[in-house]
């Protein structure tokens, strides 16, 4: 006898095709849900950052001397921003997954991850365009970790070498040579300065000749013996070399400090964003619609009868 399939029961290729279409529909992304999650994530971060600014401002007493230092305030501000980002990412992922109505946990997690990615792109856009002025300092933490790394490096460089900008060895040499009683002709002073500049910046192979000319010029400018002028020429040259060496050392220290700041800022920004992605993933998994999953499971196992 030939088996006759019961009415309403799909078998063979038709059933397989229906199953594939149903699976694809369940795993399809819902951009509307993602957009809603992005809006919520941004709003939560905005509110939490405003709360952090309010708490931080309330903790500072302008009339007291025991206020937190700048370093401690920066650390606590960075930690607060990271926590706000994690909460916002989790909330955005949860809402995105829940509103998508997808029964699969993995699909919900991917909705959360996409929501986090779009949120990060929106924040970066706000930080790099004039639109960012509308949100004020709500996302200043991310700006400090990513967009403001260059500014932090510049500040660190200035802190490492506060007097580097004021170091001008040639100007110092000019000032030292012109320190006279004021009765010497300006032309003689200018000649002595030019001769000394030739000593420190001229051809090293002609150093002896340059020193001789500088000693003669300095002797005429100050009306002193040439031998005494030679001693002063050597002294000026030594001070110039010392100033140049100090300037190079400070520049090196500033560069090292700036490099460390850039490295730490980039690593902290990477860690903060990575933690946000993890939070969004788990938020999406937590937001999976259990009721929809149960309904789909019961529909798949139910067998209609003739």
Protein backbone atom coordinates (compact mmCIF):
# COMPACT_ATOMS: atom_id res chain seq x y z
CA UNK A 1 0.00 0.00 0.00
CA UNK A 2 1.08 3.57 -0.66
CA UNK A 3 1.31 5.92 2.32
CA UNK A 4 -0.75 9.06 1.87
CA UNK A 5 0.52 12.08 3.75
CA UNK A 6 -1.94 13.60 6.15
CA UNK A 7 -3.62 16.83 5.13
CA UNK A 8 -1.84 19.98 6.21
CA UNK A 9 1.53 18.20 6.65
CA UNK A 10 4.35 19.37 4.36
CA UNK A 11 6.98 16.82 3.42
CA UNK A 12 10.05 16.60 1.19
CA UNK A 13 11.60 19.64 -0.54
CA UNK A 14 8.64 21.86 0.31
CA UNK A 15 9.09 21.31 4.05
CA UNK A 16 12.86 21.86 3.79
CA UNK A 17 12.37 25.11 1.85
CA UNK A 18 9.87 26.38 4.41
CA UNK A 19 12.27 25.55 7.23
CA UNK A 20 15.12 27.41 5.53
CA UNK A 21 12.95 30.48 4.93
CA UNK A 22 11.75 30.43 8.54
CA UNK A 23 15.35 30.19 9.82
CA UNK A 24 16.47 33.06 7.59
CA UNK A 25 13.58 35.20 8.82
CA UNK A 26 14.46 34.52 12.44
CA UNK A 27 18.12 35.47 11.87
CA UNK A 28 17.46 38.57 9.76
CA UNK A 29 18.69 41.85 11.28
CA UNK A 30 16.16 44.45 12.33
CA UNK A 31 17.62 47.88 11.65
CA UNK A 32 14.72 49.55 13.38
CA UNK A 33 15.58 47.70 16.58
CA UNK A 34 19.26 48.57 16.13
CA UNK A 35 18.42 52.25 15.73
CA UNK A 36 16.30 52.16 18.89
CA UNK A 37 19.17 50.52 20.77
CA UNK A 38 21.63 53.17 19.54
CA UNK A 39 19.33 55.97 20.70
CA UNK A 40 18.97 54.39 24.14
CA UNK A 41 22.70 53.69 24.47
CA UNK A 42 23.60 57.29 23.62
CA UNK A 43 20.98 58.65 25.98
CA UNK A 44 22.11 56.44 28.87
CA UNK A 45 25.75 57.44 28.36
CA UNK A 46 24.77 61.10 28.14
CA UNK A 47 22.79 60.98 31.37
CA UNK A 48 25.41 59.01 33.29
CA UNK A 49 28.19 61.35 32.16
CA UNK A 50 26.14 64.34 33.24
CA UNK A 51 25.63 62.64 36.58
CA UNK A 52 29.37 62.09 36.89
CA UNK A 53 30.09 65.73 36.10
CA UNK A 54 27.56 66.80 38.72
CA UNK A 55 28.99 64.52 41.39
CA UNK A 56 32.55 65.56 40.59
CA UNK A 57 31.69 69.26 40.72
CA UNK A 58 29.84 68.82 44.01
CA UNK A 59 32.87 67.09 45.55
CA UNK A 60 35.12 70.12 44.88
CA UNK A 61 35.14 72.94 47.38
CA UNK A 62 36.87 76.03 45.96
CA UNK A 63 37.50 77.34 49.45
CA UNK A 64 39.12 74.15 50.77
CA UNK A 65 42.66 72.95 50.36
CA UNK A 66 42.00 69.20 50.50
CA UNK A 67 40.37 68.87 47.09
CA UNK A 68 41.31 65.84 44.96
CA UNK A 69 44.37 66.33 42.79
CA UNK A 70 44.22 66.61 39.03
CA UNK A 71 45.62 63.08 38.62
CA UNK A 72 43.06 61.49 40.91
CA UNK A 73 40.21 63.42 39.30
CA UNK A 74 41.36 62.29 35.87
CA UNK A 75 41.50 58.64 36.95
CA UNK A 76 38.06 58.70 38.56
CA UNK A 77 36.64 60.54 35.57
CA UNK A 78 38.03 57.93 33.18
CA UNK A 79 36.69 55.05 35.27
CA UNK A 80 33.28 56.69 35.48
CA UNK A 81 33.19 57.10 31.72
CA UNK A 82 34.10 53.45 31.17
CA UNK A 83 31.34 52.32 33.56
CA UNK A 84 28.84 54.63 31.84
CA UNK A 85 29.86 53.20 28.48
CA UNK A 86 29.42 49.63 29.68
CA UNK A 87 25.97 50.34 31.10
CA UNK A 88 24.93 52.19 27.93
CA UNK A 89 26.23 49.40 25.69
CA UNK A 90 24.44 46.71 27.71
CA UNK A 91 21.17 48.68 27.73
CA UNK A 92 21.38 49.41 24.00
CA UNK A 93 22.13 45.77 23.17
CA UNK A 94 19.31 44.55 25.39
CA UNK A 95 16.70 46.86 23.86
CA UNK A 96 17.88 46.16 20.32
CA UNK A 97 17.62 42.41 20.84
CA UNK A 98 14.27 42.62 22.61
CA UNK A 99 12.66 44.85 19.98
CA UNK A 100 13.95 42.70 17.14
CA UNK A 101 11.81 39.84 18.42
CA UNK A 102 14.36 37.26 17.32
CA UNK A 103 14.17 34.01 19.30
CA UNK A 104 17.82 33.01 18.78
CA UNK A 105 20.27 34.03 21.50
CA UNK A 106 23.11 34.36 19.01
CA UNK A 107 21.00 36.60 16.75
CA UNK A 108 20.13 38.77 19.73
CA UNK A 109 23.81 39.02 20.66
CA UNK A 110 24.70 40.09 17.12
CA UNK A 111 21.98 42.75 17.31
CA UNK A 112 23.64 44.03 20.47
CA UNK A 113 27.07 44.00 18.83
CA UNK A 114 25.84 45.91 15.78
CA UNK A 115 24.15 48.41 18.08
CA UNK A 116 27.45 48.96 19.90
CA UNK A 117 29.32 49.44 16.62
CA UNK A 118 26.84 52.00 15.30
CA UNK A 119 26.89 53.81 18.66
CA UNK A 120 30.68 54.04 18.57
CA UNK A 121 30.60 55.43 15.03
CA UNK A 122 27.99 58.02 16.00
CA UNK A 123 30.07 59.14 19.01
CA UNK A 124 33.20 59.41 16.86
CA UNK A 125 31.25 61.45 14.33
CA UNK A 126 30.05 63.81 17.04
CA UNK A 127 33.59 64.22 18.34
CA UNK A 128 35.11 65.00 14.94
CA UNK A 129 32.52 67.44 13.60
CA UNK A 130 30.93 70.68 14.71
CA UNK A 131 27.82 68.72 15.65
CA UNK A 132 29.72 67.60 18.74
CA UNK A 133 29.30 71.09 20.21
CA UNK A 134 25.62 70.30 20.71
CA UNK A 135 26.37 67.53 23.19
CA UNK A 136 28.92 69.55 25.15
CA UNK A 137 31.19 67.44 27.31
CA UNK A 138 28.95 64.41 27.66
CA UNK A 139 31.36 62.28 25.65
CA UNK A 140 34.56 63.98 26.81
CA UNK A 141 35.81 60.68 28.25
CA UNK A 142 35.97 59.03 24.85
CA UNK A 143 37.48 62.19 23.44
CA UNK A 144 40.24 61.96 26.02
CA UNK A 145 40.82 58.29 25.28
CA UNK A 146 40.74 58.50 21.49
CA UNK A 147 40.18 61.87 19.89
CA UNK A 148 42.15 63.83 22.46
CA UNK A 149 45.23 61.68 22.61
CA UNK A 150 47.19 64.23 20.56
CA UNK A 151 46.22 67.04 22.92
CA UNK A 152 47.22 64.96 25.94
CA UNK A 153 50.57 64.22 24.37
CA UNK A 154 51.14 67.92 23.72
CA UNK A 155 50.30 68.76 27.32
CA UNK A 156 52.64 66.07 28.58
CA UNK A 157 55.42 67.36 26.38
CA UNK A 158 55.03 70.84 27.81
CA UNK A 159 55.04 69.46 31.33
CA UNK A 160 58.21 67.47 30.68
CA UNK A 161 60.04 70.48 29.22
CA UNK A 162 58.39 73.68 30.49
CA UNK A 163 61.33 75.88 29.53
CA UNK A 164 62.10 74.26 26.18
CA UNK A 165 60.27 76.96 24.23
CA UNK A 166 62.34 79.64 25.97
CA UNK A 167 65.64 77.99 25.12
CA UNK A 168 67.33 79.83 22.27
CA UNK A 169 71.07 79.22 22.42
CA UNK A 170 71.85 81.75 19.68
CA UNK A 171 69.80 84.46 21.41
CA UNK A 172 71.57 83.72 24.69
CA UNK A 173 74.91 84.05 22.93
CA UNK A 174 73.84 87.38 21.42
CA UNK A 175 72.77 88.69 24.83
CA UNK A 176 75.99 87.61 26.53
CA UNK A 177 78.20 89.25 23.91
CA UNK A 178 76.25 92.52 24.05
CA UNK A 179 76.50 92.79 27.85
CA UNK A 180 78.75 95.83 28.03
CA UNK A 181 78.83 99.14 29.83
CA UNK A 182 76.75 100.67 27.05
CA UNK A 183 79.46 103.03 25.75
CA UNK A 184 80.72 100.74 22.96
CA UNK A 185 79.58 101.47 19.41
CA UNK A 186 76.73 99.29 18.19
CA UNK A 187 78.65 98.39 15.07
CA UNK A 188 81.46 96.86 17.13
CA UNK A 189 78.94 94.89 19.21
CA UNK A 190 77.27 93.58 16.07
CA UNK A 191 80.62 92.55 14.66
CA UNK A 192 81.50 90.69 17.84
CA UNK A 193 78.13 88.90 17.83
CA UNK A 194 78.54 87.85 14.19
CA UNK A 195 82.05 86.59 14.89
CA UNK A 196 80.84 84.50 17.86
CA UNK A 197 77.98 83.06 15.82
CA UNK A 198 80.51 82.01 13.21
CA UNK A 199 82.47 80.21 15.95
CA UNK A 200 79.52 78.09 17.14
CA UNK A 201 77.83 77.49 13.78
CA UNK A 202 80.66 77.64 11.25
CA UNK A 203 82.87 74.96 9.69
CA UNK A 204 84.52 72.92 12.49
CA UNK A 205 87.71 72.69 10.42
CA UNK A 206 88.02 76.49 10.53
CA UNK A 207 87.24 76.80 14.22
CA UNK A 208 90.65 78.24 15.16
CA UNK A 209 90.42 81.02 12.60
CA UNK A 210 86.87 81.85 13.65
CA UNK A 211 87.92 82.07 17.29
CA UNK A 212 90.76 84.40 16.42
CA UNK A 213 88.44 86.73 14.54
CA UNK A 214 85.90 86.57 17.36
CA UNK A 215 88.57 87.41 19.97
CA UNK A 216 89.77 90.41 17.94
CA UNK A 217 86.21 91.66 17.40
CA UNK A 218 85.32 91.19 21.07
CA UNK A 219 88.50 92.94 22.17
CA UNK A 220 87.64 95.96 20.02
CA UNK A 221 84.03 96.01 21.21
CA UNK A 222 84.95 95.92 24.90
CA UNK A 223 88.32 97.58 24.70
CA UNK A 224 90.08 94.69 26.41
CA UNK A 225 93.23 92.71 25.61
CA UNK A 226 92.92 90.02 22.96
CA UNK A 227 94.05 87.29 25.37
CA UNK A 228 91.26 88.21 27.76
CA UNK A 229 88.85 88.23 24.85
CA UNK A 230 89.99 84.70 23.92
CA UNK A 231 89.03 83.50 27.40
CA UNK A 232 85.60 85.07 27.02
CA UNK A 233 85.18 83.52 23.57
CA UNK A 234 85.90 80.07 25.03
CA UNK A 235 83.47 80.78 27.87
CA UNK A 236 80.72 81.88 25.47
CA UNK A 237 81.25 78.79 23.32
CA UNK A 238 81.10 76.47 26.35
CA UNK A 239 77.85 78.06 27.55
CA UNK A 240 76.37 77.80 24.07
CA UNK A 241 77.25 74.10 23.80
CA UNK A 242 75.78 73.49 27.26
CA UNK A 243 72.53 75.25 26.36
CA UNK A 244 72.22 73.22 23.15
CA UNK A 245 72.83 69.98 25.05
CA UNK A 246 70.18 70.88 27.64
CA UNK A 247 67.69 71.75 24.92
CA UNK A 248 68.27 68.40 23.20
CA UNK A 249 67.89 66.53 26.48
CA UNK A 250 64.62 68.26 27.32
CA UNK A 251 63.31 67.69 23.81
CA UNK A 252 64.12 63.99 24.13
CA UNK A 253 62.37 63.78 27.51
CA UNK A 254 59.33 65.55 26.10
CA UNK A 255 59.21 63.16 23.14
CA UNK A 256 59.45 60.12 25.43
CA UNK A 257 56.69 61.44 27.67
CA UNK A 258 54.45 62.23 24.70
CA UNK A 259 55.00 58.74 23.30
CA UNK A 260 54.00 57.15 26.60
CA UNK A 261 50.85 59.26 26.79
CA UNK A 262 49.85 58.34 23.24
CA UNK A 263 50.48 54.67 23.91
CA UNK A 264 48.55 54.59 27.18
CA UNK A 265 45.68 56.61 25.75
CA UNK A 266 45.34 54.34 22.73
CA UNK A 267 45.47 51.18 24.87
CA UNK A 268 42.91 52.54 27.34
CA UNK A 269 40.63 53.53 24.49
CA UNK A 270 40.95 50.07 22.96
CA UNK A 271 40.17 48.34 26.26
CA UNK A 272 37.17 50.61 26.91
CA UNK A 273 35.71 49.95 23.47
CA UNK A 274 36.38 46.22 23.73
CA UNK A 275 34.60 46.03 27.09
CA UNK A 276 31.70 47.94 25.56
CA UNK A 277 31.45 45.37 22.76
CA UNK A 278 31.38 42.54 25.32
CA UNK A 279 28.69 44.30 27.35
CA UNK A 280 26.59 44.87 24.23
CA UNK A 281 26.96 41.19 23.25
CA UNK A 282 25.70 39.97 26.63
CA UNK A 283 23.00 42.64 26.63
CA UNK A 284 21.76 41.33 23.32
CA UNK A 285 21.78 37.76 24.63
CA UNK A 286 19.84 38.83 27.73
CA UNK A 287 17.28 40.66 25.60
CA UNK A 288 16.36 37.65 23.50
CA UNK A 289 12.59 37.17 23.54
CA UNK A 290 12.01 33.95 25.50
CA UNK A 291 8.28 33.99 24.81
CA UNK A 292 8.88 34.13 21.06
CA UNK A 293 11.43 31.32 21.31
CA UNK A 294 8.95 29.14 23.18
CA UNK A 295 6.23 29.89 20.64
CA UNK A 296 8.48 29.02 17.71
CA UNK A 297 9.59 25.80 19.40
CA UNK A 298 6.01 24.69 20.06
CA UNK A 299 4.98 25.55 16.48
CA UNK A 300 7.85 23.53 15.06
CA UNK A 301 7.01 20.42 17.08
CA UNK A 302 3.24 20.55 16.63
CA UNK A 303 1.85 18.15 13.99
CA UNK A 304 -1.54 19.09 12.46
CA UNK A 305 -3.85 16.17 11.93
CA UNK A 306 -6.36 15.48 9.17
